[in-house]
């Protein structure tokens, strides 16, 4: 896993030192397919890159939006719009052609970044209070194509597990259930409409922060689906200000 297929050089807009990533040479595409469009690697990003992600986490701590939906989720979230302002190195990593090419080789189809108005394109998720969790769900795509989720471990000083079920939407294929903890620098990559998953509850004096990147095969979304997606993100994740800030900003400038 240490051999480099390419160097990933990023020049963050805040003029910090560029990030240098050596991606794994082996791309386990067969394992991804056999597991129903799912892959877990306990080691993916080098320690120095993970350290920069942790610095990004610390930069946005004051902007976390906490939410609670009874019976489903409790925790904090920071959208791509805030990350763009306070932790731009994360945004540069998201757009890396080398990273995207590695993921395309893994899933076997062309990927595109999510549109700029999608607050979920890249986001940080904070589990910082006892009981923080998210219940069983799919990362449903409202786009006309598929949406893939790249989940990166950043901080994990917790007893939380990512519990998942494979093959739940495949005929005549046995469902496989398992659970993993994602260490800093670890990776989970999956088709959002295929993986049924949850994060178990945080314990006392624990902390877990993860980073997700969302890539799509078709960036088009119909207006009604966009409205539904935005409302879900505003209520369940980022708050109305983070989700609709671009729209509100345009209205303010016109006024």
C-alpha atoms as a PDB file:
ATOM      1  CA  UNK A   1       0.000   0.000   0.000  1.00  0.00           C
ATOM      2  CA  UNK A   2       2.989   2.346   0.196  1.00  0.00           C
ATOM      3  CA  UNK A   3       4.053   2.332  -3.452  1.00  0.00           C
ATOM      4  CA  UNK A   4       3.043   5.502  -5.261  1.00  0.00           C
ATOM      5  CA  UNK A   5       1.038   5.448  -8.475  1.00  0.00           C
ATOM      6  CA  UNK A   6       1.419   9.221  -8.777  1.00  0.00           C
ATOM      7  CA  UNK A   7       2.122  12.319  -6.741  1.00  0.00           C
ATOM      8  CA  UNK A   8      -0.752  14.531  -5.746  1.00  0.00           C
ATOM      9  CA  UNK A   9       0.416  18.117  -5.318  1.00  0.00           C
ATOM     10  CA  UNK A  10      -2.042  20.656  -4.006  1.00  0.00           C
ATOM     11  CA  UNK A  11      -1.493  24.381  -3.553  1.00  0.00           C
ATOM     12  CA  UNK A  12      -4.035  25.467  -0.934  1.00  0.00           C
ATOM     13  CA  UNK A  13      -5.469  28.922  -1.405  1.00  0.00           C
ATOM     14  CA  UNK A  14      -4.339  29.915   2.098  1.00  0.00           C
ATOM     15  CA  UNK A  15      -0.676  29.618   0.969  1.00  0.00           C
ATOM     16  CA  UNK A  16       0.124  26.761   3.359  1.00  0.00           C
ATOM     17  CA  UNK A  17       2.688  24.201   2.234  1.00  0.00           C
ATOM     18  CA  UNK A  18       1.360  22.016  -0.595  1.00  0.00           C
ATOM     19  CA  UNK A  19      -0.050  18.615   0.266  1.00  0.00           C
ATOM     20  CA  UNK A  20       1.883  15.697  -1.201  1.00  0.00           C
ATOM     21  CA  UNK A  21       0.072  12.373  -1.415  1.00  0.00           C
ATOM     22  CA  UNK A  22       1.421   8.996  -2.474  1.00  0.00           C
ATOM     23  CA  UNK A  23      -1.648   6.993  -3.460  1.00  0.00           C
ATOM     24  CA  UNK A  24      -1.652   3.189  -3.265  1.00  0.00           C
ATOM     25  CA  UNK A  25      -0.416   1.582  -6.446  1.00  0.00           C
ATOM     26  CA  UNK A  26      -2.818  -1.335  -6.272  1.00  0.00           C
ATOM     27  CA  UNK A  27      -6.417  -0.403  -7.055  1.00  0.00           C
ATOM     28  CA  UNK A  28      -8.613  -3.224  -5.654  1.00  0.00           C
ATOM     29  CA  UNK A  29     -11.367  -2.863  -8.248  1.00  0.00           C
ATOM     30  CA  UNK A  30     -12.318  -6.542  -8.160  1.00  0.00           C
ATOM     31  CA  UNK A  31     -12.869  -6.480  -4.406  1.00  0.00           C
ATOM     32  CA  UNK A  32     -14.972  -3.333  -4.819  1.00  0.00           C
ATOM     33  CA  UNK A  33     -17.225  -5.060  -7.361  1.00  0.00           C
ATOM     34  CA  UNK A  34     -17.497  -8.314  -5.415  1.00  0.00           C
ATOM     35  CA  UNK A  35     -18.596  -6.391  -2.318  1.00  0.00           C
ATOM     36  CA  UNK A  36     -21.428  -4.676  -4.151  1.00  0.00           C
ATOM     37  CA  UNK A  37     -19.658  -1.364  -4.809  1.00  0.00           C
ATOM     38  CA  UNK A  38     -17.962  -1.095  -1.407  1.00  0.00           C
ATOM     39  CA  UNK A  39     -14.353  -0.947  -0.213  1.00  0.00           C
ATOM     40  CA  UNK A  40     -12.662  -0.428   3.168  1.00  0.00           C
ATOM     41  CA  UNK A  41      -8.940   0.274   3.568  1.00  0.00           C
ATOM     42  CA  UNK A  42      -7.502   0.916   7.016  1.00  0.00           C
ATOM     43  CA  UNK A  43      -4.583   2.804   5.437  1.00  0.00           C
ATOM     44  CA  UNK A  44      -4.919   5.209   2.531  1.00  0.00           C
ATOM     45  CA  UNK A  45      -3.660   8.726   3.277  1.00  0.00           C
ATOM     46  CA  UNK A  46      -0.152   9.337   4.640  1.00  0.00           C
ATOM     47  CA  UNK A  47       0.160  10.692   8.175  1.00  0.00           C
ATOM     48  CA  UNK A  48       1.247  14.169   7.064  1.00  0.00           C
ATOM     49  CA  UNK A  49      -1.843  14.559   4.890  1.00  0.00           C
ATOM     50  CA  UNK A  50      -4.083  13.375   7.707  1.00  0.00           C
ATOM     51  CA  UNK A  51      -2.403  15.965   9.937  1.00  0.00           C
ATOM     52  CA  UNK A  52      -3.446  18.679   7.481  1.00  0.00           C
ATOM     53  CA  UNK A  53      -7.008  17.383   7.556  1.00  0.00           C
ATOM     54  CA  UNK A  54      -6.936  17.543  11.347  1.00  0.00           C
ATOM     55  CA  UNK A  55      -5.766  21.152  11.062  1.00  0.00           C
ATOM     56  CA  UNK A  56      -8.787  21.779   8.836  1.00  0.00           C
ATOM     57  CA  UNK A  57     -11.058  20.238  11.473  1.00  0.00           C
ATOM     58  CA  UNK A  58      -9.645  22.584  14.102  1.00  0.00           C
ATOM     59  CA  UNK A  59     -10.136  25.569  11.793  1.00  0.00           C
ATOM     60  CA  UNK A  60     -13.885  24.951  11.451  1.00  0.00           C
ATOM     61  CA  UNK A  61     -14.739  23.889  15.023  1.00  0.00           C
ATOM     62  CA  UNK A  62     -16.433  27.212  15.710  1.00  0.00           C
ATOM     63  CA  UNK A  63     -18.781  26.742  12.728  1.00  0.00           C
ATOM     64  CA  UNK A  64     -20.226  23.305  13.494  1.00  0.00           C
ATOM     65  CA  UNK A  65     -24.011  23.073  13.087  1.00  0.00           C
ATOM     66  CA  UNK A  66     -25.469  20.579  15.571  1.00  0.00           C
ATOM     67  CA  UNK A  67     -28.767  18.841  14.939  1.00  0.00           C
ATOM     68  CA  UNK A  68     -30.971  16.223  16.498  1.00  0.00           C
ATOM     69  CA  UNK A  69     -33.611  14.122  14.750  1.00  0.00           C
ATOM     70  CA  UNK A  70     -35.324  11.807  17.244  1.00  0.00           C
ATOM     71  CA  UNK A  71     -34.840   8.176  16.400  1.00  0.00           C
ATOM     72  CA  UNK A  72     -32.359   8.873  13.599  1.00  0.00           C
ATOM     73  CA  UNK A  73     -29.373  11.126  14.265  1.00  0.00           C
ATOM     74  CA  UNK A  74     -27.527  13.440  16.588  1.00  0.00           C
ATOM     75  CA  UNK A  75     -24.272  15.224  15.839  1.00  0.00           C
ATOM     76  CA  UNK A  76     -22.590  18.151  14.135  1.00  0.00           C
ATOM     77  CA  UNK A  77     -21.798  18.995  10.517  1.00  0.00           C
ATOM     78  CA  UNK A  78     -19.845  21.555   8.484  1.00  0.00           C
ATOM     79  CA  UNK A  79     -20.694  22.044   4.800  1.00  0.00           C
ATOM     80  CA  UNK A  80     -18.414  22.632   1.823  1.00  0.00           C
ATOM     81  CA  UNK A  81     -19.271  26.360   1.855  1.00  0.00           C
ATOM     82  CA  UNK A  82     -17.668  26.853   5.274  1.00  0.00           C
ATOM     83  CA  UNK A  83     -14.789  24.526   4.396  1.00  0.00           C
ATOM     84  CA  UNK A  84     -14.087  26.686   1.332  1.00  0.00           C
ATOM     85  CA  UNK A  85     -13.616  29.693   3.607  1.00  0.00           C
ATOM     86  CA  UNK A  86     -11.812  28.187   6.584  1.00  0.00           C
ATOM     87  CA  UNK A  87     -10.085  24.985   5.406  1.00  0.00           C
ATOM     88  CA  UNK A  88      -9.425  25.364   1.643  1.00  0.00           C
ATOM     89  CA  UNK A  89      -6.792  22.598   1.548  1.00  0.00           C
ATOM     90  CA  UNK A  90      -9.642  20.106   2.013  1.00  0.00           C
ATOM     91  CA  UNK A  91     -11.379  21.553  -1.039  1.00  0.00           C
ATOM     92  CA  UNK A  92      -8.196  21.230  -3.086  1.00  0.00           C
ATOM     93  CA  UNK A  93      -7.834  17.581  -2.100  1.00  0.00           C
ATOM     94  CA  UNK A  94     -11.441  16.962  -3.153  1.00  0.00           C
ATOM     95  CA  UNK A  95     -10.761  18.301  -6.654  1.00  0.00           C
ATOM     96  CA  UNK A  96      -7.452  16.499  -7.132  1.00  0.00           C
ATOM     97  CA  UNK A  97      -7.303  14.891 -10.611  1.00  0.00           C
ATOM     98  CA  UNK A  98      -5.002  12.176  -9.260  1.00  0.00           C
ATOM     99  CA  UNK A  99      -7.421  11.230  -6.489  1.00  0.00           C
ATOM    100  CA  UNK A 100     -10.382  11.266  -8.852  1.00  0.00           C
ATOM    101  CA  UNK A 101      -8.506   9.118 -11.371  1.00  0.00           C
ATOM    102  CA  UNK A 102      -7.698   6.561  -8.649  1.00  0.00           C
ATOM    103  CA  UNK A 103     -11.365   6.398  -7.654  1.00  0.00           C
ATOM    104  CA  UNK A 104     -12.476   6.108 -11.285  1.00  0.00           C
ATOM    105  CA  UNK A 105     -10.197   3.119 -11.697  1.00  0.00           C
ATOM    106  CA  UNK A 106     -11.723   1.634  -8.565  1.00  0.00           C
ATOM    107  CA  UNK A 107     -15.382   2.023  -9.534  1.00  0.00           C
ATOM    108  CA  UNK A 108     -14.931   1.628 -13.289  1.00  0.00           C
ATOM    109  CA  UNK A 109     -16.692   4.760 -14.520  1.00  0.00           C
ATOM    110  CA  UNK A 110     -15.983   8.487 -14.986  1.00  0.00           C
ATOM    111  CA  UNK A 111     -16.570  10.675 -11.926  1.00  0.00           C
ATOM    112  CA  UNK A 112     -17.197  14.385 -11.586  1.00  0.00           C
ATOM    113  CA  UNK A 113     -17.141  16.682  -8.570  1.00  0.00           C
ATOM    114  CA  UNK A 114     -20.581  17.595  -7.273  1.00  0.00           C
ATOM    115  CA  UNK A 115     -21.843  21.022  -8.420  1.00  0.00           C
ATOM    116  CA  UNK A 116     -20.731  24.096  -6.492  1.00  0.00           C
ATOM    117  CA  UNK A 117     -24.185  24.629  -5.011  1.00  0.00           C
ATOM    118  CA  UNK A 118     -24.188  21.194  -3.336  1.00  0.00           C
ATOM    119  CA  UNK A 119     -23.341  21.688   0.375  1.00  0.00           C
ATOM    120  CA  UNK A 120     -22.778  17.922   0.719  1.00  0.00           C
ATOM    121  CA  UNK A 121     -20.029  17.793  -1.928  1.00  0.00           C
ATOM    122  CA  UNK A 122     -17.432  17.671   0.838  1.00  0.00           C
ATOM    123  CA  UNK A 123     -18.312  17.930   4.492  1.00  0.00           C
ATOM    124  CA  UNK A 124     -17.034  17.239   7.991  1.00  0.00           C
ATOM    125  CA  UNK A 125     -19.099  15.299  10.523  1.00  0.00           C
ATOM    126  CA  UNK A 126     -18.500  15.813  14.239  1.00  0.00           C
ATOM    127  CA  UNK A 127     -19.387  13.259  16.913  1.00  0.00           C
ATOM    128  CA  UNK A 128     -18.447  15.110  20.085  1.00  0.00           C
ATOM    129  CA  UNK A 129     -21.226  14.551  22.623  1.00  0.00           C
ATOM    130  CA  UNK A 130     -22.303  11.258  24.223  1.00  0.00           C
ATOM    131  CA  UNK A 131     -24.996   9.614  22.129  1.00  0.00           C
ATOM    132  CA  UNK A 132     -23.990  11.257  18.824  1.00  0.00           C
ATOM    133  CA  UNK A 133     -24.834   8.801  16.053  1.00  0.00           C
ATOM    134  CA  UNK A 134     -26.664   8.333  12.777  1.00  0.00           C
ATOM    135  CA  UNK A 135     -29.154   5.554  12.134  1.00  0.00           C
ATOM    136  CA  UNK A 136     -29.499   3.148   9.227  1.00  0.00           C
ATOM    137  CA  UNK A 137     -29.653   4.921   5.873  1.00  0.00           C
ATOM    138  CA  UNK A 138     -28.468   5.047   2.269  1.00  0.00           C
ATOM    139  CA  UNK A 139     -26.607   8.039   0.821  1.00  0.00           C
ATOM    140  CA  UNK A 140     -29.456   8.515  -1.632  1.00  0.00           C
ATOM    141  CA  UNK A 141     -28.563  10.224  -4.886  1.00  0.00           C
ATOM    142  CA  UNK A 142     -30.948  12.893  -6.110  1.00  0.00           C
ATOM    143  CA  UNK A 143     -28.802  13.275  -9.214  1.00  0.00           C
ATOM    144  CA  UNK A 144     -29.728  11.617 -12.479  1.00  0.00           C
ATOM    145  CA  UNK A 145     -26.627   9.460 -12.249  1.00  0.00           C
ATOM    146  CA  UNK A 146     -24.899   7.672  -9.395  1.00  0.00           C
ATOM    147  CA  UNK A 147     -23.322   9.369  -6.395  1.00  0.00           C
ATOM    148  CA  UNK A 148     -20.273   7.793  -4.780  1.00  0.00           C
ATOM    149  CA  UNK A 149     -19.196   8.537  -1.218  1.00  0.00           C
ATOM    150  CA  UNK A 150     -15.552   8.652  -0.168  1.00  0.00           C
ATOM    151  CA  UNK A 151     -15.372   8.541   3.636  1.00  0.00           C
ATOM    152  CA  UNK A 152     -12.012   9.427   5.190  1.00  0.00           C
ATOM    153  CA  UNK A 153     -11.095   8.944   8.825  1.00  0.00           C
ATOM    154  CA  UNK A 154      -9.688  12.095  10.428  1.00  0.00           C
ATOM    155  CA  UNK A 155     -10.066  11.857  14.219  1.00  0.00           C
ATOM    156  CA  UNK A 156     -11.212   8.692  15.961  1.00  0.00           C
ATOM    157  CA  UNK A 157     -10.864   8.541  19.712  1.00  0.00           C
ATOM    158  CA  UNK A 158     -14.112   6.664  20.086  1.00  0.00           C
ATOM    159  CA  UNK A 159     -15.883   3.346  20.369  1.00  0.00           C
ATOM    160  CA  UNK A 160     -18.056   4.157  17.320  1.00  0.00           C
ATOM    161  CA  UNK A 161     -18.386   1.670  14.480  1.00  0.00           C
ATOM    162  CA  UNK A 162     -19.501   2.048  10.914  1.00  0.00           C
ATOM    163  CA  UNK A 163     -21.950  -0.852  10.657  1.00  0.00           C
ATOM    164  CA  UNK A 164     -22.989  -1.799   7.134  1.00  0.00           C
ATOM    165  CA  UNK A 165     -24.986  -4.239   5.033  1.00  0.00           C
ATOM    166  CA  UNK A 166     -23.830  -5.263   1.562  1.00  0.00           C
ATOM    167  CA  UNK A 167     -26.000  -6.504  -1.348  1.00  0.00           C
ATOM    168  CA  UNK A 168     -29.295  -5.286   0.165  1.00  0.00           C
ATOM    169  CA  UNK A 169     -30.605  -4.272  -3.258  1.00  0.00           C
ATOM    170  CA  UNK A 170     -29.285  -7.194  -5.290  1.00  0.00           C
ATOM    171  CA  UNK A 171     -31.471 -10.137  -6.206  1.00  0.00           C
ATOM    172  CA  UNK A 172     -30.339 -13.638  -5.226  1.00  0.00           C
ATOM    173  CA  UNK A 173     -27.238 -12.368  -3.403  1.00  0.00           C
ATOM    174  CA  UNK A 174     -26.941 -13.020   0.359  1.00  0.00           C
ATOM    175  CA  UNK A 175     -26.785  -9.903   2.524  1.00  0.00           C
ATOM    176  CA  UNK A 176     -23.445  -9.480   4.277  1.00  0.00           C
ATOM    177  CA  UNK A 177     -23.290  -7.559   7.569  1.00  0.00           C
ATOM    178  CA  UNK A 178     -20.090  -6.231   9.112  1.00  0.00           C
ATOM    179  CA  UNK A 179     -18.643  -3.315  11.070  1.00  0.00           C
ATOM    180  CA  UNK A 180     -15.388  -1.352  10.940  1.00  0.00           C
ATOM    181  CA  UNK A 181     -13.693   1.491  12.738  1.00  0.00           C
ATOM    182  CA  UNK A 182     -12.039   3.933  10.346  1.00  0.00           C
ATOM    183  CA  UNK A 183      -8.670   5.088  11.700  1.00  0.00           C
ATOM    184  CA  UNK A 184      -7.188   8.455  10.732  1.00  0.00           C
ATOM    185  CA  UNK A 185      -6.154   8.180   7.088  1.00  0.00           C
ATOM    186  CA  UNK A 186      -8.402   5.179   6.460  1.00  0.00           C
ATOM    187  CA  UNK A 187     -10.880   4.975   3.588  1.00  0.00           C
ATOM    188  CA  UNK A 188     -14.372   3.725   2.864  1.00  0.00           C
ATOM    189  CA  UNK A 189     -15.681   4.149  -0.694  1.00  0.00           C
ATOM    190  CA  UNK A 190     -19.124   3.076  -1.871  1.00  0.00           C
ATOM    191  CA  UNK A 191     -22.099   3.682  -4.133  1.00  0.00           C
ATOM    192  CA  UNK A 192     -24.440   5.702  -1.935  1.00  0.00           C
ATOM    193  CA  UNK A 193     -27.608   4.023  -3.192  1.00  0.00           C
ATOM    194  CA  UNK A 194     -26.292   0.525  -2.464  1.00  0.00           C
ATOM    195  CA  UNK A 195     -24.729   0.599   1.000  1.00  0.00           C
ATOM    196  CA  UNK A 196     -27.063   0.419   3.997  1.00  0.00           C
ATOM    197  CA  UNK A 197     -25.081   1.780   6.926  1.00  0.00           C
ATOM    198  CA  UNK A 198     -25.055   3.601  10.243  1.00  0.00           C
ATOM    199  CA  UNK A 199     -22.642   5.020  12.847  1.00  0.00           C
ATOM    200  CA  UNK A 200     -23.102   3.662  16.365  1.00  0.00           C
ATOM    201  CA  UNK A 201     -23.448   5.974  19.364  1.00  0.00           C
ATOM    202  CA  UNK A 202     -20.518   7.909  20.820  1.00  0.00           C
ATOM    203  CA  UNK A 203     -19.537   7.150  24.406  1.00  0.00           C
ATOM    204  CA  UNK A 204     -18.472   9.408  27.265  1.00  0.00           C
ATOM    205  CA  UNK A 205     -15.279  11.463  26.800  1.00  0.00           C
ATOM    206  CA  UNK A 206     -14.941  10.378  23.158  1.00  0.00           C
ATOM    207  CA  UNK A 207     -14.596  12.184  19.849  1.00  0.00           C
ATOM    208  CA  UNK A 208     -14.951  11.161  16.223  1.00  0.00           C
ATOM    209  CA  UNK A 209     -14.632  13.411  13.164  1.00  0.00           C
ATOM    210  CA  UNK A 210     -14.934  12.112   9.608  1.00  0.00           C
ATOM    211  CA  UNK A 211     -14.678  13.730   6.198  1.00  0.00           C
ATOM    212  CA  UNK A 212     -16.790  12.794   3.192  1.00  0.00           C
ATOM    213  CA  UNK A 213     -16.293  13.563  -0.486  1.00  0.00           C
ATOM    214  CA  UNK A 214     -19.221  13.036  -2.863  1.00  0.00           C
ATOM    215  CA  UNK A 215     -18.618  12.399  -6.587  1.00  0.00           C
ATOM    216  CA  UNK A 216     -21.262  11.958  -9.271  1.00  0.00           C
ATOM    217  CA  UNK A 217     -21.527  10.349 -12.694  1.00  0.00           C
ATOM    218  CA  UNK A 218     -24.049  12.947 -13.885  1.00  0.00           C
ATOM    219  CA  UNK A 219     -24.172  16.381 -12.187  1.00  0.00           C
ATOM    220  CA  UNK A 220     -27.696  17.184 -13.394  1.00  0.00           C
ATOM    221  CA  UNK A 221     -30.470  17.376 -10.816  1.00  0.00           C
ATOM    222  CA  UNK A 222     -34.058  18.395 -11.524  1.00  0.00           C
ATOM    223  CA  UNK A 223     -35.376  21.461  -9.657  1.00  0.00           C
ATOM    224  CA  UNK A 224     -37.748  19.533  -7.403  1.00  0.00           C
ATOM    225  CA  UNK A 225     -35.045  17.024  -6.454  1.00  0.00           C
ATOM    226  CA  UNK A 226     -32.699  19.942  -5.731  1.00  0.00           C
ATOM    227  CA  UNK A 227     -35.307  21.465  -3.423  1.00  0.00           C
ATOM    228  CA  UNK A 228     -35.802  18.161  -1.592  1.00  0.00           C
ATOM    229  CA  UNK A 229     -32.041  17.642  -1.296  1.00  0.00           C
ATOM    230  CA  UNK A 230     -31.475  21.166   0.023  1.00  0.00           C
ATOM    231  CA  UNK A 231     -34.250  20.898   2.591  1.00  0.00           C
ATOM    232  CA  UNK A 232     -32.897  17.552   3.837  1.00  0.00           C
ATOM    233  CA  UNK A 233     -29.408  19.021   4.160  1.00  0.00           C
ATOM    234  CA  UNK A 234     -30.696  22.146   5.917  1.00  0.00           C
ATOM    235  CA  UNK A 235     -32.808  20.253   8.461  1.00  0.00           C
ATOM    236  CA  UNK A 236     -30.661  17.175   9.072  1.00  0.00           C
ATOM    237  CA  UNK A 237     -27.123  18.472   8.611  1.00  0.00           C
ATOM    238  CA  UNK A 238     -25.925  21.996   7.944  1.00  0.00           C
ATOM    239  CA  UNK A 239     -28.679  24.440   8.856  1.00  0.00           C
ATOM    240  CA  UNK A 240     -30.497  26.797   6.514  1.00  0.00           C
ATOM    241  CA  UNK A 241     -27.774  29.432   6.520  1.00  0.00           C
ATOM    242  CA  UNK A 242     -25.037  27.073   5.285  1.00  0.00           C
ATOM    243  CA  UNK A 243     -27.260  25.387   2.700  1.00  0.00           C
ATOM    244  CA  UNK A 244     -28.865  28.502   1.223  1.00  0.00           C
ATOM    245  CA  UNK A 245     -26.030  30.970   1.766  1.00  0.00           C
ATOM    246  CA  UNK A 246     -25.210  31.292  -1.952  1.00  0.00           C
ATOM    247  CA  UNK A 247     -28.825  32.068  -2.803  1.00  0.00           C
ATOM    248  CA  UNK A 248     -29.119  34.529   0.086  1.00  0.00           C
ATOM    249  CA  UNK A 249     -25.821  36.142  -0.906  1.00  0.00           C
ATOM    250  CA  UNK A 250     -27.052  36.744  -4.440  1.00  0.00           C
ATOM    251  CA  UNK A 251     -30.244  38.319  -3.136  1.00  0.00           C
ATOM    252  CA  UNK A 252     -28.266  40.595  -0.798  1.00  0.00           C
ATOM    253  CA  UNK A 253     -26.015  41.783  -3.624  1.00  0.00           C
ATOM    254  CA  UNK A 254     -29.023  42.527  -5.826  1.00  0.00           C
ATOM    255  CA  UNK A 255     -30.613  44.536  -3.026  1.00  0.00           C
END
